[in-house]
Amino acid sequence: MFCRTLASILIPLLLSAACTSNEALTDQGAAERNSPPVSTSAEDHPRPDAHNSRNALDWAGIYSGVLPCASCPGIETEITLHSDGTFERSRLYQDEAVASETDKGTFAWNKAGSKIELNTDGDETVEYQVGENQLFRLDRHGQRIDGELAAHYVLQKHLQDSAIENKRWKLIELRGSPVETERDVLLKLNAEGAIASGHASCNSFSSSYVIKSGQRISFNHNMVSTLMACADMNVEQGFFEVLRMADNYSLSNNGQLSLSRARMAPLARFELL
C-alpha cells in the first residue's frame, strides 16, 4: 500500500519536471534562432593583448614612394604619421605640376590595428595597411592590390643607420679610379634632418637624402652648392653625378662605404675619417 501511494505521488512530479525542462529547451532554441549572428572574426573582436601593427611596430615616421597615376608617369607621395594620430601628406604629379599638393588631417585605425584611414577636409577616403617600415595603399574596398603593379602601391619608411650617419667620410675612389685632389672630397650624412653636406674639392654642398630598408639611399637631385670656379672641376662634377645616381650603399669588412646603382660596380668608395 505504501509503495503504491509513493508511486502515485512521484510519477506526476517527474512528468511535470520533464515537461518544464522540454519547454525551457524549446524556448532557448527559438531565442537562438531569432538572435542575430555573432561575428567571430579577429578584426571585429581582437584580443586586447594581440600583437598587431598598431602596438607591435614602430610605425610613426615618414613614408615615401611613387604611386601609379592614370594621367601621368607617377605621383611622388610622402606621408608623415605622428604618434598623436595626425598626419601630413604631399603629392607631386610628375610632368603635370611643378609644386606638390599638401594636406594634413587625422587618421584612424581599424579595430584589428592593421589598417589606417586618412581623414582630410575633402571627401576622399584613403586606406593603407601598415607593415614593418611600409605602407600598402589599399583599393576602394580596403583590399591589398595584387598583380604586376602591386609593388608600385607601397610607400617605404625613411630610416636611420648609425653605421654611416653622423660620421665624416673621405672619397678615395670614383668610378673605379683613385681620387687625388688638393683638397679632400668629404661627405657627412647628418641624421637630424637627413641632410648630406661636405666639400667636393672645390665647392661646399648640401642635399637632403633618404635611407630606406635594404640599405637603399637616394640624394635630392637639387643640391645646393657654392659657385667657386677651380682649375680642375672633373672630380667635383663626377662626384655630384654619382650622388644623383646612387640608389644603394654597403659597408665592407674594413669599414669602407660604397655608393652604387642597382647591381653595378660601386660608383664611389669612402673611408672613415
Protein backbone atom coordinates (compact mmCIF):
# COMPACT_ATOMS: atom_id res chain seq x y z
CA MET A 1 0.00 0.00 0.00
CA PHE A 2 2.78 2.42 0.93
CA CYS A 3 4.68 1.75 -2.31
CA ARG A 4 1.57 2.32 -4.45
CA THR A 5 0.90 5.61 -2.63
CA LEU A 6 4.52 6.83 -3.09
CA ALA A 7 4.46 5.96 -6.76
CA SER A 8 1.22 7.85 -7.26
CA ILE A 9 2.93 10.95 -5.85
CA LEU A 10 6.37 10.72 -7.60
CA ILE A 11 5.25 9.89 -11.12
CA PRO A 12 3.20 13.08 -11.64
CA LEU A 13 6.10 15.15 -10.22
CA LEU A 14 8.65 13.62 -12.61
CA LEU A 15 6.36 14.10 -15.59
CA SER A 16 5.87 17.76 -14.65
CA ALA A 17 9.63 18.37 -14.35
CA ALA A 18 10.29 16.76 -17.74
CA CYS A 19 7.70 18.97 -19.42
CA THR A 20 9.14 22.09 -17.81
CA SER A 21 12.66 21.13 -19.00
CA ASN A 22 11.46 20.50 -22.55
CA GLU A 23 9.66 23.84 -22.63
CA ALA A 24 12.83 25.62 -21.47
CA LEU A 25 14.94 23.93 -24.16
CA THR A 26 12.34 24.80 -26.80
CA ASP A 27 12.32 28.46 -25.72
CA GLN A 28 16.15 28.59 -25.73
CA GLY A 29 16.35 27.11 -29.23
CA ALA A 30 13.83 29.65 -30.53
CA ALA A 31 15.78 32.50 -28.97
CA GLU A 32 19.00 31.29 -30.57
CA ARG A 33 17.34 31.01 -33.98
CA ASN A 34 15.96 34.54 -33.74
CA SER A 35 19.18 36.14 -32.43
CA PRO A 36 21.50 37.91 -34.93
CA PRO A 37 24.70 36.02 -35.82
CA VAL A 38 27.70 36.85 -33.65
CA SER A 39 30.90 37.77 -35.51
CA THR A 40 33.95 35.76 -34.54
CA SER A 41 36.45 37.49 -36.80
CA ALA A 42 39.67 38.75 -35.26
CA GLU A 43 39.12 42.15 -36.88
CA ASP A 44 35.78 42.70 -35.12
CA HIS A 45 36.89 41.26 -31.80
CA PRO A 46 40.68 41.49 -31.50
CA ARG A 47 42.21 40.18 -28.31
CA PRO A 48 43.33 43.03 -26.05
CA ASP A 49 46.82 41.55 -25.85
CA ALA A 50 47.10 40.56 -29.54
CA HIS A 51 50.16 41.79 -31.40
CA ASN A 52 49.24 43.96 -34.37
CA SER A 53 50.73 46.75 -36.44
CA ARG A 54 49.48 49.43 -34.09
CA ASN A 55 51.02 48.07 -30.90
CA ALA A 56 53.94 45.98 -32.18
CA LEU A 57 55.53 48.14 -34.89
CA ASP A 58 57.43 51.43 -34.78
CA TRP A 59 55.02 52.90 -37.32
CA ALA A 60 55.37 56.66 -36.63
CA GLY A 61 57.60 58.41 -39.17
CA ILE A 62 57.94 59.46 -42.80
CA TYR A 63 56.99 57.21 -45.73
CA SER A 64 57.51 57.98 -49.40
CA GLY A 65 57.35 56.49 -52.87
CA VAL A 66 55.91 56.98 -56.35
CA LEU A 67 52.33 55.74 -56.68
CA PRO A 68 50.73 54.92 -60.06
CA CYS A 69 48.90 57.70 -61.87
CA ALA A 70 46.27 57.36 -64.59
CA SER A 71 47.29 60.53 -66.44
CA CYS A 72 50.97 60.97 -65.55
CA PRO A 73 54.16 58.90 -65.05
CA GLY A 74 53.57 58.72 -61.28
CA ILE A 75 52.61 60.55 -58.10
CA GLU A 76 55.54 61.34 -55.80
CA THR A 77 53.91 60.78 -52.43
CA GLU A 78 55.19 61.45 -48.91
CA ILE A 79 53.17 60.79 -45.76
CA THR A 80 54.26 61.61 -42.22
CA LEU A 81 52.43 59.71 -39.48
CA HIS A 82 52.59 61.14 -35.96
CA SER A 83 52.04 59.18 -32.77
CA ASP A 84 49.18 61.54 -31.78
CA GLY A 85 47.07 60.35 -34.73
CA THR A 86 47.75 63.26 -37.10
CA PHE A 87 49.45 63.20 -40.50
CA GLU A 88 50.85 65.42 -43.24
CA ARG A 89 50.89 64.45 -46.90
CA SER A 90 52.47 65.85 -50.05
CA ARG A 91 51.81 64.70 -53.61
CA LEU A 92 53.55 65.76 -56.81
CA TYR A 93 52.02 64.69 -60.13
CA GLN A 94 55.01 64.10 -62.38
CA ASP A 95 55.04 66.06 -65.66
CA GLU A 96 51.78 67.77 -64.66
CA ALA A 97 52.76 70.07 -61.79
CA VAL A 98 55.83 71.95 -60.62
CA ALA A 99 54.79 72.10 -56.96
CA SER A 100 53.48 69.48 -54.59
CA GLU A 101 49.94 69.42 -53.25
CA THR A 102 49.95 69.31 -49.45
CA ASP A 103 47.30 68.50 -46.90
CA LYS A 104 47.01 67.25 -43.35
CA GLY A 105 44.49 65.75 -41.02
CA THR A 106 43.93 62.81 -38.69
CA PHE A 107 43.97 59.08 -39.27
CA ALA A 108 42.00 56.28 -37.62
CA TRP A 109 42.96 52.65 -37.03
CA ASN A 110 40.62 49.78 -37.74
CA LYS A 111 39.62 47.50 -34.85
CA ALA A 112 42.30 44.95 -35.74
CA GLY A 113 45.03 47.59 -35.57
CA SER A 114 46.26 46.67 -39.05
CA LYS A 115 44.96 49.47 -41.29
CA ILE A 116 44.65 53.24 -41.14
CA GLU A 117 42.24 55.58 -42.87
CA LEU A 118 43.35 59.14 -43.65
CA ASN A 119 40.75 61.76 -42.84
CA THR A 120 41.03 65.15 -44.56
CA ASP A 121 38.72 68.08 -45.20
CA GLY A 122 37.84 66.63 -48.62
CA ASP A 123 35.58 63.71 -49.47
CA GLU A 124 38.45 61.41 -50.43
CA THR A 125 38.90 58.24 -48.36
CA VAL A 126 42.35 56.66 -48.46
CA GLU A 127 43.29 53.48 -46.63
CA TYR A 128 46.70 51.93 -46.04
CA GLN A 129 47.73 48.65 -44.50
CA VAL A 130 50.58 49.24 -42.06
CA GLY A 131 53.50 46.83 -42.36
CA GLU A 132 57.03 46.83 -41.00
CA ASN A 133 58.58 50.02 -42.45
CA GLN A 134 55.94 50.02 -45.20
CA LEU A 135 52.52 51.42 -46.05
CA PHE A 136 50.45 49.46 -48.60
CA ARG A 137 47.92 51.55 -50.49
CA LEU A 138 44.58 49.71 -50.49
CA ASP A 139 41.85 49.72 -53.12
CA ARG A 140 38.42 51.24 -52.59
CA HIS A 141 37.24 48.01 -50.95
CA GLY A 142 40.04 48.11 -48.40
CA GLN A 143 41.96 45.23 -50.00
CA ARG A 144 45.63 44.89 -50.95
CA ILE A 145 46.34 45.47 -54.62
CA ASP A 146 47.85 42.41 -56.30
CA GLY A 147 49.21 41.58 -59.72
CA GLU A 148 52.12 43.10 -61.62
CA LEU A 149 51.56 46.59 -60.20
CA ALA A 150 51.39 45.52 -56.55
CA ALA A 151 54.94 46.70 -55.76
CA HIS A 152 54.10 50.17 -57.08
CA TYR A 153 51.46 50.74 -54.38
CA VAL A 154 53.93 50.67 -51.49
CA LEU A 155 55.42 53.59 -49.56
CA GLN A 156 58.69 52.91 -47.74
CA LYS A 157 59.59 54.36 -44.35
CA HIS A 158 62.57 56.69 -44.00
CA LEU A 159 65.13 55.06 -41.72
CA GLN A 160 68.33 55.94 -39.91
CA ASP A 161 71.58 53.97 -39.91
CA SER A 162 74.11 54.82 -37.24
CA ALA A 163 76.73 52.80 -39.14
CA ILE A 164 77.03 55.52 -41.78
CA GLU A 165 75.35 58.62 -40.34
CA ASN A 166 76.92 61.38 -38.22
CA LYS A 167 80.36 60.38 -39.48
CA ARG A 168 82.84 62.05 -41.85
CA TRP A 169 83.68 60.11 -44.99
CA LYS A 170 86.58 60.82 -47.35
CA LEU A 171 86.21 59.94 -51.04
CA ILE A 172 89.05 57.61 -52.12
CA GLU A 173 87.70 56.13 -55.36
CA LEU A 174 85.37 57.46 -58.06
CA ARG A 175 84.06 55.14 -60.77
CA GLY A 176 86.89 52.69 -60.11
CA SER A 177 89.73 55.25 -60.21
CA PRO A 178 91.67 56.55 -57.17
CA VAL A 179 90.86 60.14 -56.22
CA GLU A 180 93.74 62.58 -55.99
CA THR A 181 92.82 66.19 -55.25
CA GLU A 182 94.50 69.09 -53.49
CA ARG A 183 91.60 69.26 -51.09
CA ASP A 184 89.81 66.16 -49.78
CA VAL A 185 86.31 65.34 -51.00
CA LEU A 186 84.28 64.92 -47.82
CA LEU A 187 80.76 63.68 -47.15
CA LYS A 188 78.77 63.72 -43.90
CA LEU A 189 75.29 62.30 -43.51
CA ASN A 190 73.57 64.20 -40.70
CA ALA A 191 70.82 62.04 -39.20
CA GLU A 192 68.97 65.03 -37.73
CA GLY A 193 67.11 66.47 -40.67
CA ALA A 194 68.59 63.88 -43.07
CA ILE A 195 70.98 66.38 -44.66
CA ALA A 196 74.09 65.38 -46.57
CA SER A 197 76.84 68.01 -46.56
CA GLY A 198 80.52 68.31 -47.23
CA HIS A 199 83.17 69.54 -49.62
CA ALA A 200 83.59 68.41 -53.23
CA SER A 201 87.25 69.53 -53.65
CA CYS A 202 86.22 72.98 -54.89
CA ASN A 203 82.76 73.84 -53.56
CA SER A 204 80.84 73.09 -50.40
CA PHE A 205 77.45 71.44 -50.88
CA SER A 206 74.35 70.18 -49.11
CA SER A 207 71.44 67.96 -50.09
CA SER A 208 68.66 66.06 -48.42
CA TYR A 209 68.78 62.28 -48.54
CA VAL A 210 66.60 59.29 -47.67
CA ILE A 211 67.59 55.89 -46.29
CA LYS A 212 65.13 53.03 -46.73
CA SER A 213 65.13 49.33 -45.88
CA GLY A 214 67.55 47.11 -47.77
CA GLN A 215 70.38 49.69 -47.48
CA ARG A 216 68.78 51.87 -50.14
CA ILE A 217 69.71 55.51 -50.27
CA SER A 218 68.82 58.44 -52.52
CA PHE A 219 70.03 62.02 -52.64
CA ASN A 220 67.95 65.00 -53.72
CA HIS A 221 68.91 65.96 -57.26
CA ASN A 222 68.53 69.65 -56.44
CA MET A 223 71.76 70.08 -54.50
CA VAL A 224 72.82 73.41 -53.07
CA SER A 225 76.48 74.36 -53.52
CA THR A 226 78.76 77.35 -53.58
CA LEU A 227 79.74 78.66 -57.00
CA MET A 228 83.52 78.85 -56.92
CA ALA A 229 85.43 78.05 -60.13
CA CYS A 230 88.56 75.91 -59.83
CA ALA A 231 91.21 74.82 -62.31
CA ASP A 232 90.03 71.20 -62.29
CA MET A 233 86.31 70.56 -61.78
CA ASN A 234 86.25 66.99 -63.12
CA VAL A 235 86.28 65.23 -59.74
CA GLU A 236 83.63 67.53 -58.32
CA GLN A 237 81.31 67.15 -61.28
CA GLY A 238 81.78 63.39 -61.26
CA PHE A 239 81.12 63.25 -57.51
CA PHE A 240 77.86 65.22 -57.81
CA GLU A 241 76.76 62.96 -60.66
CA VAL A 242 77.39 59.87 -58.54
CA LEU A 243 75.31 61.26 -55.67
CA ARG A 244 72.41 61.79 -58.06
CA MET A 245 72.72 58.26 -59.48
CA ALA A 246 73.28 56.22 -56.31
CA ASP A 247 70.37 54.13 -55.02
CA ASN A 248 72.07 51.80 -52.51
CA TYR A 249 75.07 51.59 -50.19
CA SER A 250 77.18 48.98 -48.45
CA LEU A 251 79.91 48.72 -45.83
CA SER A 252 82.93 46.48 -46.40
CA ASN A 253 84.67 44.41 -43.73
CA ASN A 254 87.39 47.05 -43.48
CA GLY A 255 84.81 49.79 -42.84
CA GLN A 256 84.72 51.41 -46.28
CA LEU A 257 81.46 52.93 -47.51
CA SER A 258 80.41 52.29 -51.12
CA LEU A 259 77.67 54.00 -53.11
CA SER A 260 76.25 52.03 -56.03
CA ARG A 261 73.40 51.90 -58.50
CA ALA A 262 71.41 48.67 -58.87
CA ARG A 263 73.86 45.75 -59.03
CA MET A 264 76.60 47.60 -60.86
CA ALA A 265 80.13 48.06 -59.55
CA PRO A 266 80.49 50.73 -56.82
CA LEU A 267 80.29 54.27 -58.15
CA ALA A 268 82.22 55.71 -55.22
CA ARG A 269 84.19 54.45 -52.21
CA PHE A 270 84.86 56.31 -48.97
CA GLU A 271 86.98 55.71 -45.92
CA LEU A 272 86.12 56.89 -42.44
CA LEU A 273 87.99 59.89 -41.06
